[in-house]
N, C-alpha and C. Protein backbone atom coordinates (compact mmCIF):
# COMPACT_ATOMS: atom_id res chain seq x y z
N MET A 1 73.43 -13.75 7.46
CA MET A 1 74.45 -14.29 8.33
C MET A 1 73.70 -15.14 9.37
N ALA A 2 74.06 -16.40 9.46
CA ALA A 2 73.44 -17.30 10.38
C ALA A 2 74.42 -17.79 11.40
N ARG A 3 73.92 -18.20 12.58
CA ARG A 3 74.70 -18.69 13.65
C ARG A 3 74.09 -20.05 14.11
N ILE A 4 74.90 -21.05 14.22
CA ILE A 4 74.41 -22.35 14.72
C ILE A 4 74.21 -22.20 16.23
N THR A 5 73.01 -22.58 16.64
CA THR A 5 72.64 -22.44 18.07
C THR A 5 72.37 -23.77 18.77
N GLU A 6 72.13 -24.81 18.01
CA GLU A 6 71.79 -26.13 18.58
C GLU A 6 72.46 -27.19 17.71
N PHE A 7 72.86 -28.29 18.36
CA PHE A 7 73.46 -29.40 17.64
C PHE A 7 73.36 -30.65 18.48
N GLU A 8 72.87 -31.70 17.91
CA GLU A 8 72.93 -33.01 18.54
C GLU A 8 73.29 -34.01 17.44
N TRP A 9 74.44 -34.68 17.64
CA TRP A 9 74.99 -35.58 16.63
C TRP A 9 73.93 -36.57 16.13
N ASN A 10 73.78 -36.66 14.79
CA ASN A 10 72.84 -37.57 14.12
C ASN A 10 71.39 -37.30 14.39
N ARG A 11 71.03 -36.19 15.02
CA ARG A 11 69.64 -35.85 15.29
C ARG A 11 69.18 -34.58 14.64
N TYR A 12 69.95 -33.46 14.95
CA TYR A 12 69.53 -32.17 14.39
C TYR A 12 70.64 -31.17 14.53
N ILE A 13 70.46 -30.11 13.73
CA ILE A 13 71.33 -28.88 13.82
C ILE A 13 70.39 -27.72 13.58
N ALA A 14 70.57 -26.64 14.30
CA ALA A 14 69.68 -25.51 14.16
C ALA A 14 70.50 -24.19 14.03
N ASP A 15 69.95 -23.25 13.33
CA ASP A 15 70.59 -21.96 13.22
C ASP A 15 69.61 -20.84 13.31
N VAL A 16 70.04 -19.66 13.65
CA VAL A 16 69.23 -18.45 13.68
C VAL A 16 69.92 -17.40 12.80
N GLN A 17 69.15 -16.51 12.28
CA GLN A 17 69.64 -15.42 11.45
C GLN A 17 70.14 -14.30 12.39
N ASP A 18 71.41 -13.93 12.25
CA ASP A 18 71.92 -12.75 12.97
C ASP A 18 71.77 -11.50 12.13
N GLU A 19 71.94 -11.62 10.83
CA GLU A 19 71.76 -10.55 9.89
C GLU A 19 71.09 -11.10 8.64
N GLY A 20 70.14 -10.36 8.12
CA GLY A 20 69.47 -10.83 6.90
C GLY A 20 68.13 -10.20 6.67
N PRO A 21 67.41 -10.74 5.72
CA PRO A 21 66.18 -10.07 5.31
C PRO A 21 64.95 -10.26 6.24
N PHE A 22 65.04 -11.22 7.16
CA PHE A 22 63.89 -11.53 7.99
C PHE A 22 63.97 -10.86 9.36
N LYS A 23 62.79 -10.59 9.87
CA LYS A 23 62.74 -10.04 11.31
C LYS A 23 63.29 -11.09 12.24
N SER A 24 62.89 -12.37 12.03
CA SER A 24 63.43 -13.47 12.78
C SER A 24 63.47 -14.71 11.86
N TRP A 25 64.44 -15.61 12.18
CA TRP A 25 64.60 -16.83 11.40
C TRP A 25 65.22 -17.91 12.27
N HIS A 26 64.56 -19.04 12.39
CA HIS A 26 65.08 -20.20 13.06
C HIS A 26 64.89 -21.38 12.14
N HIS A 27 65.99 -22.03 11.81
CA HIS A 27 65.96 -23.19 10.85
C HIS A 27 66.56 -24.38 11.55
N ARG A 28 65.80 -25.46 11.56
CA ARG A 28 66.30 -26.69 12.21
C ARG A 28 66.26 -27.81 11.18
N TYR A 29 67.40 -28.48 10.96
CA TYR A 29 67.52 -29.63 10.09
C TYR A 29 67.44 -30.84 10.96
N GLU A 30 66.43 -31.72 10.77
CA GLU A 30 66.28 -32.89 11.58
C GLU A 30 66.64 -34.14 10.75
N PHE A 31 67.45 -35.05 11.35
CA PHE A 31 67.91 -36.24 10.65
C PHE A 31 67.35 -37.45 11.34
N ALA A 32 66.93 -38.42 10.52
CA ALA A 32 66.42 -39.70 11.07
C ALA A 32 66.86 -40.83 10.14
N THR A 33 67.14 -41.97 10.74
CA THR A 33 67.49 -43.11 9.89
C THR A 33 66.20 -43.62 9.23
N ALA A 34 66.35 -44.14 8.02
CA ALA A 34 65.20 -44.62 7.28
C ALA A 34 65.62 -45.72 6.37
N ARG A 35 64.67 -46.57 6.03
CA ARG A 35 64.94 -47.66 5.10
C ARG A 35 64.02 -47.45 3.93
N ARG A 36 64.61 -47.42 2.74
CA ARG A 36 63.84 -47.20 1.53
C ARG A 36 64.28 -48.16 0.48
N LYS A 37 63.39 -48.93 -0.06
CA LYS A 37 63.72 -49.92 -1.09
C LYS A 37 64.81 -50.86 -0.63
N GLY A 38 64.76 -51.23 0.64
CA GLY A 38 65.72 -52.18 1.22
C GLY A 38 67.06 -51.60 1.58
N ALA A 39 67.26 -50.31 1.38
CA ALA A 39 68.54 -49.68 1.71
C ALA A 39 68.41 -48.76 2.91
N GLU A 40 69.40 -48.80 3.79
CA GLU A 40 69.47 -47.89 4.92
C GLU A 40 69.88 -46.53 4.43
N GLY A 41 69.32 -45.52 5.04
CA GLY A 41 69.68 -44.15 4.70
C GLY A 41 69.24 -43.15 5.76
N THR A 42 69.17 -41.91 5.38
CA THR A 42 68.84 -40.84 6.30
C THR A 42 67.81 -39.94 5.65
N THR A 43 66.80 -39.59 6.43
CA THR A 43 65.85 -38.53 5.93
C THR A 43 66.26 -37.22 6.58
N ILE A 44 66.06 -36.17 5.88
CA ILE A 44 66.38 -34.85 6.38
C ILE A 44 65.09 -34.00 6.27
N ARG A 45 64.69 -33.42 7.37
CA ARG A 45 63.51 -32.59 7.39
C ARG A 45 63.91 -31.17 7.82
N ASP A 46 63.39 -30.18 7.12
CA ASP A 46 63.61 -28.80 7.46
C ASP A 46 62.42 -28.26 8.27
N VAL A 47 62.68 -27.69 9.41
CA VAL A 47 61.65 -27.04 10.22
C VAL A 47 62.03 -25.55 10.28
N ILE A 48 61.20 -24.73 9.71
CA ILE A 48 61.57 -23.30 9.63
C ILE A 48 60.50 -22.47 10.32
N ASP A 49 60.93 -21.60 11.21
CA ASP A 49 60.05 -20.65 11.83
C ASP A 49 60.65 -19.25 11.55
N TYR A 50 59.89 -18.41 10.90
CA TYR A 50 60.40 -17.12 10.51
C TYR A 50 59.33 -16.06 10.60
N GLU A 51 59.75 -14.83 10.67
CA GLU A 51 58.84 -13.66 10.67
C GLU A 51 59.39 -12.68 9.68
N VAL A 52 58.56 -12.24 8.72
CA VAL A 52 59.01 -11.29 7.69
C VAL A 52 59.13 -9.89 8.28
N GLY A 53 58.25 -9.49 9.14
CA GLY A 53 58.24 -8.09 9.62
C GLY A 53 57.42 -7.25 8.71
N PHE A 54 57.48 -5.95 8.88
CA PHE A 54 56.78 -4.94 8.06
C PHE A 54 55.26 -5.02 8.17
N GLY A 55 54.74 -5.56 9.27
CA GLY A 55 53.31 -5.56 9.55
C GLY A 55 52.47 -6.18 8.46
N PHE A 56 51.36 -5.50 8.13
CA PHE A 56 50.38 -6.00 7.15
C PHE A 56 51.06 -6.18 5.78
N LEU A 57 51.93 -5.27 5.38
CA LEU A 57 52.60 -5.40 4.05
C LEU A 57 53.52 -6.64 4.01
N GLY A 58 54.18 -6.89 5.11
CA GLY A 58 55.03 -8.10 5.21
C GLY A 58 54.19 -9.38 5.12
N SER A 59 52.99 -9.35 5.73
CA SER A 59 52.12 -10.54 5.68
C SER A 59 51.67 -10.76 4.25
N ILE A 60 51.35 -9.74 3.51
CA ILE A 60 50.93 -9.88 2.11
C ILE A 60 52.09 -10.39 1.28
N ALA A 61 53.27 -9.78 1.43
CA ALA A 61 54.45 -10.23 0.69
C ALA A 61 54.76 -11.69 1.00
N ASN A 62 54.61 -12.08 2.27
CA ASN A 62 54.90 -13.48 2.63
C ASN A 62 53.92 -14.43 1.95
N ALA A 63 52.63 -14.11 2.00
CA ALA A 63 51.62 -14.97 1.39
C ALA A 63 51.78 -15.05 -0.14
N LEU A 64 52.08 -13.95 -0.77
CA LEU A 64 52.16 -13.94 -2.22
C LEU A 64 53.49 -14.41 -2.79
N PHE A 65 54.58 -14.06 -2.16
CA PHE A 65 55.88 -14.27 -2.76
C PHE A 65 56.86 -15.10 -1.92
N ILE A 66 57.03 -14.72 -0.66
CA ILE A 66 58.09 -15.29 0.16
C ILE A 66 57.87 -16.77 0.46
N ARG A 67 56.68 -17.07 1.07
CA ARG A 67 56.40 -18.47 1.43
C ARG A 67 56.41 -19.39 0.21
N PRO A 68 55.76 -19.04 -0.91
CA PRO A 68 55.85 -19.90 -2.09
C PRO A 68 57.29 -20.09 -2.62
N GLN A 69 58.09 -19.07 -2.59
CA GLN A 69 59.47 -19.18 -3.05
C GLN A 69 60.26 -20.07 -2.13
N MET A 70 60.08 -19.90 -0.82
CA MET A 70 60.80 -20.81 0.15
C MET A 70 60.36 -22.24 -0.05
N GLN A 71 59.07 -22.48 -0.20
CA GLN A 71 58.57 -23.87 -0.39
C GLN A 71 59.22 -24.48 -1.63
N SER A 72 59.28 -23.70 -2.71
CA SER A 72 59.89 -24.18 -3.92
C SER A 72 61.40 -24.45 -3.76
N THR A 73 62.06 -23.51 -3.10
CA THR A 73 63.51 -23.71 -2.88
C THR A 73 63.80 -24.96 -2.07
N PHE A 74 63.12 -25.14 -0.96
CA PHE A 74 63.39 -26.29 -0.13
C PHE A 74 62.93 -27.60 -0.76
N ALA A 75 61.90 -27.59 -1.57
CA ALA A 75 61.47 -28.77 -2.29
C ALA A 75 62.50 -29.16 -3.31
N GLU A 76 63.09 -28.22 -4.03
CA GLU A 76 64.15 -28.51 -4.99
C GLU A 76 65.38 -29.07 -4.28
N ARG A 77 65.73 -28.52 -3.10
CA ARG A 77 66.85 -29.03 -2.38
C ARG A 77 66.58 -30.49 -1.91
N GLN A 78 65.38 -30.77 -1.44
CA GLN A 78 65.08 -32.15 -1.05
C GLN A 78 65.26 -33.10 -2.22
N GLU A 79 64.83 -32.70 -3.38
CA GLU A 79 64.94 -33.59 -4.56
C GLU A 79 66.42 -33.79 -4.96
N SER A 80 67.25 -32.82 -4.73
CA SER A 80 68.66 -32.94 -5.11
C SER A 80 69.57 -33.50 -4.05
N LEU A 81 69.06 -33.67 -2.83
CA LEU A 81 69.94 -34.17 -1.74
C LEU A 81 70.58 -35.50 -1.99
N SER A 82 69.84 -36.43 -2.55
CA SER A 82 70.44 -37.75 -2.79
C SER A 82 71.62 -37.69 -3.74
N ASP A 83 71.56 -36.81 -4.75
CA ASP A 83 72.68 -36.61 -5.65
C ASP A 83 73.83 -35.91 -4.93
N LEU A 84 73.53 -34.93 -4.15
CA LEU A 84 74.56 -34.15 -3.43
C LEU A 84 75.34 -34.98 -2.44
N LEU A 85 74.68 -35.97 -1.83
CA LEU A 85 75.28 -36.72 -0.74
C LEU A 85 75.87 -38.06 -1.20
N ARG A 86 75.94 -38.29 -2.47
CA ARG A 86 76.59 -39.58 -2.96
C ARG A 86 78.07 -39.48 -2.89
C-alpha cells in the first residue's frame, strides 16, 4: 500500500510505502522534456530509496535477489513505456 506524498505538475510525483514488504520505501518518478530523433517527448526517471530490514540477512537477500529483481523490473518498464503511453 503506497501513499503519494509529493507532487509537482510536469516535474515529479513521489510515494512512500505504508504497508508492504520493505522496512521503508520512497519512490520518486521524475519527468523532463526531451527531444529524441527530432520529436518532443518526456523522459521518466525512477529514483528509489528503500530498506529491506532484517539486518545482515536482509542485506544478503537484497544483494542476491531483491536489488537485481527490482533493476530488471524497472528496466522492463522503461522499455515498455513508449508503447504504454501512445
